[in-house]
Amino acid sequence: MSINGLSASNLPSNVVLSYEKEGASAVYIMEIASGKLTQLTEHRSIDTSPCYSHDGKQIAFVSIV
């Protein structure tokens, strides 16, 4: 596992991150208290550098196809 990006939200309970697994990377939200990961993207490309918008309502990331 290789983490490619990490960003904290304005809500202290979550972070958004991307990590590489099996040649592709995906964007996930992680609940800090439980460590639970929720996958947001799923395809055979590289999704990296996720970050929250200033209001914490949207997530932007780079996708390399």
PDB file of N, CA and C in Angstrom:
ATOM      1  N   MET A   1       0.843  -1.175   0.000  1.00  0.00           N
ATOM      2  CA  MET A   1       0.000   0.000   0.000  1.00  0.00           C
ATOM      3  C   MET A   1       0.885   1.234   0.000  1.00  0.00           C
ATOM      4  N   SER A   2       0.574   2.160  -0.888  1.00  0.00           N
ATOM      5  CA  SER A   2       1.324   3.404  -0.986  1.00  0.00           C
ATOM      6  C   SER A   2       0.336   4.565  -1.019  1.00  0.00           C
ATOM      7  N   ILE A   3       0.366   5.434  -0.009  1.00  0.00           N
ATOM      8  CA  ILE A   3      -0.543   6.575   0.039  1.00  0.00           C
ATOM      9  C   ILE A   3      -0.024   7.652  -0.896  1.00  0.00           C
ATOM     10  N   ASN A   4      -0.917   8.142  -1.795  1.00  0.00           N
ATOM     11  CA  ASN A   4      -0.554   9.141  -2.796  1.00  0.00           C
ATOM     12  C   ASN A   4      -1.071  10.533  -2.466  1.00  0.00           C
ATOM     13  N   GLY A   5      -1.898  10.669  -1.469  1.00  0.00           N
ATOM     14  CA  GLY A   5      -2.426  11.971  -1.102  1.00  0.00           C
ATOM     15  C   GLY A   5      -3.291  11.855   0.127  1.00  0.00           C
ATOM     16  N   LEU A   6      -3.373  12.935   0.886  1.00  0.00           N
ATOM     17  CA  LEU A   6      -4.147  12.938   2.125  1.00  0.00           C
ATOM     18  C   LEU A   6      -4.606  14.363   2.393  1.00  0.00           C
ATOM     19  N   SER A   7      -5.884  14.532   2.753  1.00  0.00           N
ATOM     20  CA  SER A   7      -6.412  15.861   3.039  1.00  0.00           C
ATOM     21  C   SER A   7      -7.436  15.760   4.163  1.00  0.00           C
ATOM     22  N   ALA A   8      -7.341  16.649   5.128  1.00  0.00           N
ATOM     23  CA  ALA A   8      -8.301  16.686   6.231  1.00  0.00           C
ATOM     24  C   ALA A   8      -9.493  17.548   5.842  1.00  0.00           C
ATOM     25  N   SER A   9     -10.670  17.153   6.305  1.00  0.00           N
ATOM     26  CA  SER A   9     -11.864  17.961   6.056  1.00  0.00           C
ATOM     27  C   SER A   9     -11.991  19.010   7.151  1.00  0.00           C
ATOM     28  N   ASN A  10     -12.936  19.937   6.950  1.00  0.00           N
ATOM     29  CA  ASN A  10     -13.181  20.911   8.014  1.00  0.00           C
ATOM     30  C   ASN A  10     -13.954  20.266   9.162  1.00  0.00           C
ATOM     31  N   LEU A  11     -14.443  19.042   8.958  1.00  0.00           N
ATOM     32  CA  LEU A  11     -15.009  18.232  10.035  1.00  0.00           C
ATOM     33  C   LEU A  11     -13.893  17.332  10.535  1.00  0.00           C
ATOM     34  N   PRO A  12     -13.560  17.370  11.799  1.00  0.00           N
ATOM     35  CA  PRO A  12     -12.393  16.627  12.279  1.00  0.00           C
ATOM     36  C   PRO A  12     -12.559  15.108  12.287  1.00  0.00           C
ATOM     37  N   SER A  13     -13.701  14.602  11.822  1.00  0.00           N
ATOM     38  CA  SER A  13     -13.946  13.160  11.895  1.00  0.00           C
ATOM     39  C   SER A  13     -13.488  12.393  10.662  1.00  0.00           C
ATOM     40  N   ASN A  14     -13.187  13.070   9.554  1.00  0.00           N
ATOM     41  CA  ASN A  14     -12.851  12.397   8.296  1.00  0.00           C
ATOM     42  C   ASN A  14     -11.600  12.966   7.642  1.00  0.00           C
ATOM     43  N   VAL A  15     -10.929  12.112   6.871  1.00  0.00           N
ATOM     44  CA  VAL A  15      -9.891  12.547   5.941  1.00  0.00           C
ATOM     45  C   VAL A  15     -10.174  11.868   4.609  1.00  0.00           C
ATOM     46  N   VAL A  16      -9.714  12.476   3.532  1.00  0.00           N
ATOM     47  CA  VAL A  16      -9.797  11.856   2.217  1.00  0.00           C
ATOM     48  C   VAL A  16      -8.373  11.489   1.819  1.00  0.00           C
ATOM     49  N   LEU A  17      -8.210  10.321   1.231  1.00  0.00           N
ATOM     50  CA  LEU A  17      -6.877   9.875   0.851  1.00  0.00           C
ATOM     51  C   LEU A  17      -6.947   9.041  -0.410  1.00  0.00           C
ATOM     52  N   SER A  18      -5.800   8.863  -1.017  1.00  0.00           N
ATOM     53  CA  SER A  18      -5.695   7.983  -2.163  1.00  0.00           C
ATOM     54  C   SER A  18      -4.536   7.054  -1.916  1.00  0.00           C
ATOM     55  N   TYR A  19      -4.722   5.792  -2.257  1.00  0.00           N
ATOM     56  CA  TYR A  19      -3.591   4.882  -2.148  1.00  0.00           C
ATOM     57  C   TYR A  19      -3.599   3.864  -3.268  1.00  0.00           C
ATOM     58  N   GLU A  20      -2.398   3.417  -3.604  1.00  0.00           N
ATOM     59  CA  GLU A  20      -2.195   2.500  -4.720  1.00  0.00           C
ATOM     60  C   GLU A  20      -2.283   1.063  -4.241  1.00  0.00           C
ATOM     61  N   LYS A  21      -3.015   0.264  -5.027  1.00  0.00           N
ATOM     62  CA  LYS A  21      -3.159  -1.155  -4.740  1.00  0.00           C
ATOM     63  C   LYS A  21      -3.311  -1.878  -6.073  1.00  0.00           C
ATOM     64  N   GLU A  22      -2.467  -2.861  -6.325  1.00  0.00           N
ATOM     65  CA  GLU A  22      -2.523  -3.681  -7.534  1.00  0.00           C
ATOM     66  C   GLU A  22      -2.432  -2.852  -8.816  1.00  0.00           C
ATOM     67  N   GLY A  23      -1.552  -1.856  -8.841  1.00  0.00           N
ATOM     68  CA  GLY A  23      -1.299  -1.083 -10.047  1.00  0.00           C
ATOM     69  C   GLY A  23      -2.260   0.053 -10.325  1.00  0.00           C
ATOM     70  N   ALA A  24      -3.277   0.231  -9.509  1.00  0.00           N
ATOM     71  CA  ALA A  24      -4.211   1.340  -9.676  1.00  0.00           C
ATOM     72  C   ALA A  24      -4.363   2.020  -8.319  1.00  0.00           C
ATOM     73  N   SER A  25      -4.784   3.265  -8.332  1.00  0.00           N
ATOM     74  CA  SER A  25      -5.039   3.935  -7.060  1.00  0.00           C
ATOM     75  C   SER A  25      -6.459   4.468  -7.061  1.00  0.00           C
ATOM     76  N   ALA A  26      -7.051   4.544  -5.895  1.00  0.00           N
ATOM     77  CA  ALA A  26      -8.428   4.994  -5.737  1.00  0.00           C
ATOM     78  C   ALA A  26      -8.490   6.015  -4.608  1.00  0.00           C
ATOM     79  N   VAL A  27      -9.583   6.773  -4.595  1.00  0.00           N
ATOM     80  CA  VAL A  27      -9.815   7.778  -3.565  1.00  0.00           C
ATOM     81  C   VAL A  27     -10.776   7.191  -2.532  1.00  0.00           C
ATOM     82  N   TYR A  28     -10.452   7.401  -1.268  1.00  0.00           N
ATOM     83  CA  TYR A  28     -11.235   6.884  -0.149  1.00  0.00           C
ATOM     84  C   TYR A  28     -11.492   7.988   0.862  1.00  0.00           C
ATOM     85  N   ILE A  29     -12.596   7.875   1.601  1.00  0.00           N
ATOM     86  CA  ILE A  29     -12.810   8.669   2.810  1.00  0.00           C
ATOM     87  C   ILE A  29     -12.554   7.734   3.980  1.00  0.00           C
ATOM     88  N   MET A  30     -11.799   8.221   4.963  1.00  0.00           N
ATOM     89  CA  MET A  30     -11.542   7.418   6.151  1.00  0.00           C
ATOM     90  C   MET A  30     -12.129   8.111   7.375  1.00  0.00           C
ATOM     91  N   GLU A  31     -12.936   7.368   8.132  1.00  0.00           N
ATOM     92  CA  GLU A  31     -13.422   7.848   9.422  1.00  0.00           C
ATOM     93  C   GLU A  31     -12.282   7.677  10.418  1.00  0.00           C
ATOM     94  N   ILE A  32     -11.830   8.754  11.007  1.00  0.00           N
ATOM     95  CA  ILE A  32     -10.650   8.717  11.866  1.00  0.00           C
ATOM     96  C   ILE A  32     -10.863   7.839  13.097  1.00  0.00           C
ATOM     97  N   ALA A  33     -11.999   7.951  13.746  1.00  0.00           N
ATOM     98  CA  ALA A  33     -12.224   7.202  14.991  1.00  0.00           C
ATOM     99  C   ALA A  33     -12.199   5.695  14.784  1.00  0.00           C
ATOM    100  N   SER A  34     -12.821   5.225  13.697  1.00  0.00           N
ATOM    101  CA  SER A  34     -12.932   3.778  13.476  1.00  0.00           C
ATOM    102  C   SER A  34     -11.897   3.231  12.506  1.00  0.00           C
ATOM    103  N   GLY A  35     -11.320   4.114  11.676  1.00  0.00           N
ATOM    104  CA  GLY A  35     -10.406   3.659  10.635  1.00  0.00           C
ATOM    105  C   GLY A  35     -11.124   3.094   9.423  1.00  0.00           C
ATOM    106  N   LYS A  36     -12.459   3.175   9.398  1.00  0.00           N
ATOM    107  CA  LYS A  36     -13.255   2.632   8.295  1.00  0.00           C
ATOM    108  C   LYS A  36     -12.988   3.408   7.010  1.00  0.00           C
ATOM    109  N   LEU A  37     -12.720   2.660   5.919  1.00  0.00           N
ATOM    110  CA  LEU A  37     -12.497   3.254   4.604  1.00  0.00           C
ATOM    111  C   LEU A  37     -13.734   3.071   3.737  1.00  0.00           C
ATOM    112  N   THR A  38     -14.134   4.133   3.040  1.00  0.00           N
ATOM    113  CA  THR A  38     -15.202   4.069   2.055  1.00  0.00           C
ATOM    114  C   THR A  38     -14.604   4.474   0.718  1.00  0.00           C
ATOM    115  N   GLN A  39     -14.617   3.563  -0.252  1.00  0.00           N
ATOM    116  CA  GLN A  39     -14.014   3.825  -1.556  1.00  0.00           C
ATOM    117  C   GLN A  39     -14.943   4.699  -2.384  1.00  0.00           C
ATOM    118  N   LEU A  40     -14.394   5.785  -2.971  1.00  0.00           N
ATOM    119  CA  LEU A  40     -15.176   6.714  -3.782  1.00  0.00           C
ATOM    120  C   LEU A  40     -14.986   6.501  -5.273  1.00  0.00           C
ATOM    121  N   THR A  41     -13.808   6.051  -5.695  1.00  0.00           N
ATOM    122  CA  THR A  41     -13.546   5.825  -7.117  1.00  0.00           C
ATOM    123  C   THR A  41     -13.126   4.381  -7.325  1.00  0.00           C
ATOM    124  N   GLU A  42     -13.450   3.863  -8.518  1.00  0.00           N
ATOM    125  CA  GLU A  42     -13.082   2.484  -8.812  1.00  0.00           C
ATOM    126  C   GLU A  42     -12.963   2.299 -10.323  1.00  0.00           C
ATOM    127  N   HIS A  43     -11.753   2.352 -10.824  1.00  0.00           N
ATOM    128  CA  HIS A  43     -11.472   2.066 -12.227  1.00  0.00           C
ATOM    129  C   HIS A  43      -9.982   1.836 -12.383  1.00  0.00           C
ATOM    130  N   ARG A  44      -9.542   1.417 -13.546  1.00  0.00           N
ATOM    131  CA  ARG A  44      -8.142   1.062 -13.763  1.00  0.00           C
ATOM    132  C   ARG A  44      -7.337   2.286 -14.181  1.00  0.00           C
ATOM    133  N   SER A  45      -7.298   3.276 -13.358  1.00  0.00           N
ATOM    134  CA  SER A  45      -6.476   4.457 -13.605  1.00  0.00           C
ATOM    135  C   SER A  45      -5.843   4.872 -12.285  1.00  0.00           C
ATOM    136  N   ILE A  46      -5.134   5.973 -12.327  1.00  0.00           N
ATOM    137  CA  ILE A  46      -4.473   6.473 -11.125  1.00  0.00           C
ATOM    138  C   ILE A  46      -5.234   7.705 -10.641  1.00  0.00           C
ATOM    139  N   ASP A  47      -5.843   7.609  -9.485  1.00  0.00           N
ATOM    140  CA  ASP A  47      -6.533   8.732  -8.849  1.00  0.00           C
ATOM    141  C   ASP A  47      -5.675   9.171  -7.672  1.00  0.00           C
ATOM    142  N   THR A  48      -5.253  10.419  -7.693  1.00  0.00           N
ATOM    143  CA  THR A  48      -4.283  10.888  -6.707  1.00  0.00           C
ATOM    144  C   THR A  48      -4.587  12.324  -6.287  1.00  0.00           C
ATOM    145  N   SER A  49      -3.902  12.794  -5.290  1.00  0.00           N
ATOM    146  CA  SER A  49      -3.953  14.183  -4.808  1.00  0.00           C
ATOM    147  C   SER A  49      -5.355  14.659  -4.437  1.00  0.00           C
ATOM    148  N   PRO A  50      -6.115  13.878  -3.676  1.00  0.00           N
ATOM    149  CA  PRO A  50      -7.457  14.330  -3.303  1.00  0.00           C
ATOM    150  C   PRO A  50      -7.397  15.481  -2.302  1.00  0.00           C
ATOM    151  N   CYS A  51      -8.378  16.371  -2.394  1.00  0.00           N
ATOM    152  CA  CYS A  51      -8.479  17.447  -1.405  1.00  0.00           C
ATOM    153  C   CYS A  51      -9.933  17.891  -1.294  1.00  0.00           C
ATOM    154  N   TYR A  52     -10.290  18.335  -0.113  1.00  0.00           N
ATOM    155  CA  TYR A  52     -11.633  18.852   0.134  1.00  0.00           C
ATOM    156  C   TYR A  52     -11.729  20.291  -0.352  1.00  0.00           C
ATOM    157  N   SER A  53     -12.944  20.695  -0.761  1.00  0.00           N
ATOM    158  CA  SER A  53     -13.208  22.103  -1.040  1.00  0.00           C
ATOM    159  C   SER A  53     -13.181  22.862   0.290  1.00  0.00           C
ATOM    160  N   HIS A  54     -13.151  24.186   0.216  1.00  0.00           N
ATOM    161  CA  HIS A  54     -13.064  24.998   1.439  1.00  0.00           C
ATOM    162  C   HIS A  54     -14.239  24.755   2.382  1.00  0.00           C
ATOM    163  N   ASP A  55     -15.426  24.496   1.821  1.00  0.00           N
ATOM    164  CA  ASP A  55     -16.585  24.256   2.689  1.00  0.00           C
ATOM    165  C   ASP A  55     -16.730  22.789   3.087  1.00  0.00           C
ATOM    166  N   GLY A  56     -15.857  21.915   2.572  1.00  0.00           N
ATOM    167  CA  GLY A  56     -15.871  20.505   2.943  1.00  0.00           C
ATOM    168  C   GLY A  56     -16.963  19.684   2.285  1.00  0.00           C
ATOM    169  N   LYS A  57     -17.681  20.261   1.308  1.00  0.00           N
ATOM    170  CA  LYS A  57     -18.799  19.559   0.677  1.00  0.00           C
ATOM    171  C   LYS A  57     -18.413  18.800  -0.587  1.00  0.00           C
ATOM    172  N   GLN A  58     -17.267  19.125  -1.165  1.00  0.00           N
ATOM    173  CA  GLN A  58     -16.837  18.467  -2.399  1.00  0.00           C
ATOM    174  C   GLN A  58     -15.399  18.009  -2.266  1.00  0.00           C
ATOM    175  N   ILE A  59     -15.041  17.023  -3.097  1.00  0.00           N
ATOM    176  CA  ILE A  59     -13.680  16.501  -3.133  1.00  0.00           C
ATOM    177  C   ILE A  59     -13.186  16.581  -4.568  1.00  0.00           C
ATOM    178  N   ALA A  60     -12.000  17.127  -4.749  1.00  0.00           N
ATOM    179  CA  ALA A  60     -11.362  17.169  -6.065  1.00  0.00           C
ATOM    180  C   ALA A  60     -10.153  16.243  -6.029  1.00  0.00           C
ATOM    181  N   PHE A  61      -9.811  15.661  -7.185  1.00  0.00           N
ATOM    182  CA  PHE A  61      -8.637  14.799  -7.276  1.00  0.00           C
ATOM    183  C   PHE A  61      -8.175  14.752  -8.721  1.00  0.00           C
ATOM    184  N   VAL A  62      -6.970  14.282  -8.930  1.00  0.00           N
ATOM    185  CA  VAL A  62      -6.397  14.125 -10.267  1.00  0.00           C
ATOM    186  C   VAL A  62      -6.581  12.677 -10.683  1.00  0.00           C
ATOM    187  N   SER A  63      -7.069  12.452 -11.905  1.00  0.00           N
ATOM    188  CA  SER A  63      -7.225  11.101 -12.438  1.00  0.00           C
ATOM    189  C   SER A  63      -6.395  10.987 -13.709  1.00  0.00           C
ATOM    190  N   ILE A  64      -5.449  10.051 -13.710  1.00  0.00           N
ATOM    191  CA  ILE A  64      -4.582   9.827 -14.868  1.00  0.00           C
ATOM    192  C   ILE A  64      -5.025   8.528 -15.521  1.00  0.00           C
ATOM    193  N   VAL A  65      -5.528   8.633 -16.737  1.00  0.00           N
ATOM    194  CA  VAL A  65      -6.060   7.465 -17.448  1.00  0.00           C
ATOM    195  C   VAL A  65      -4.980   6.803 -18.266  1.00  0.00           C
TER     196      VAL A  65
END
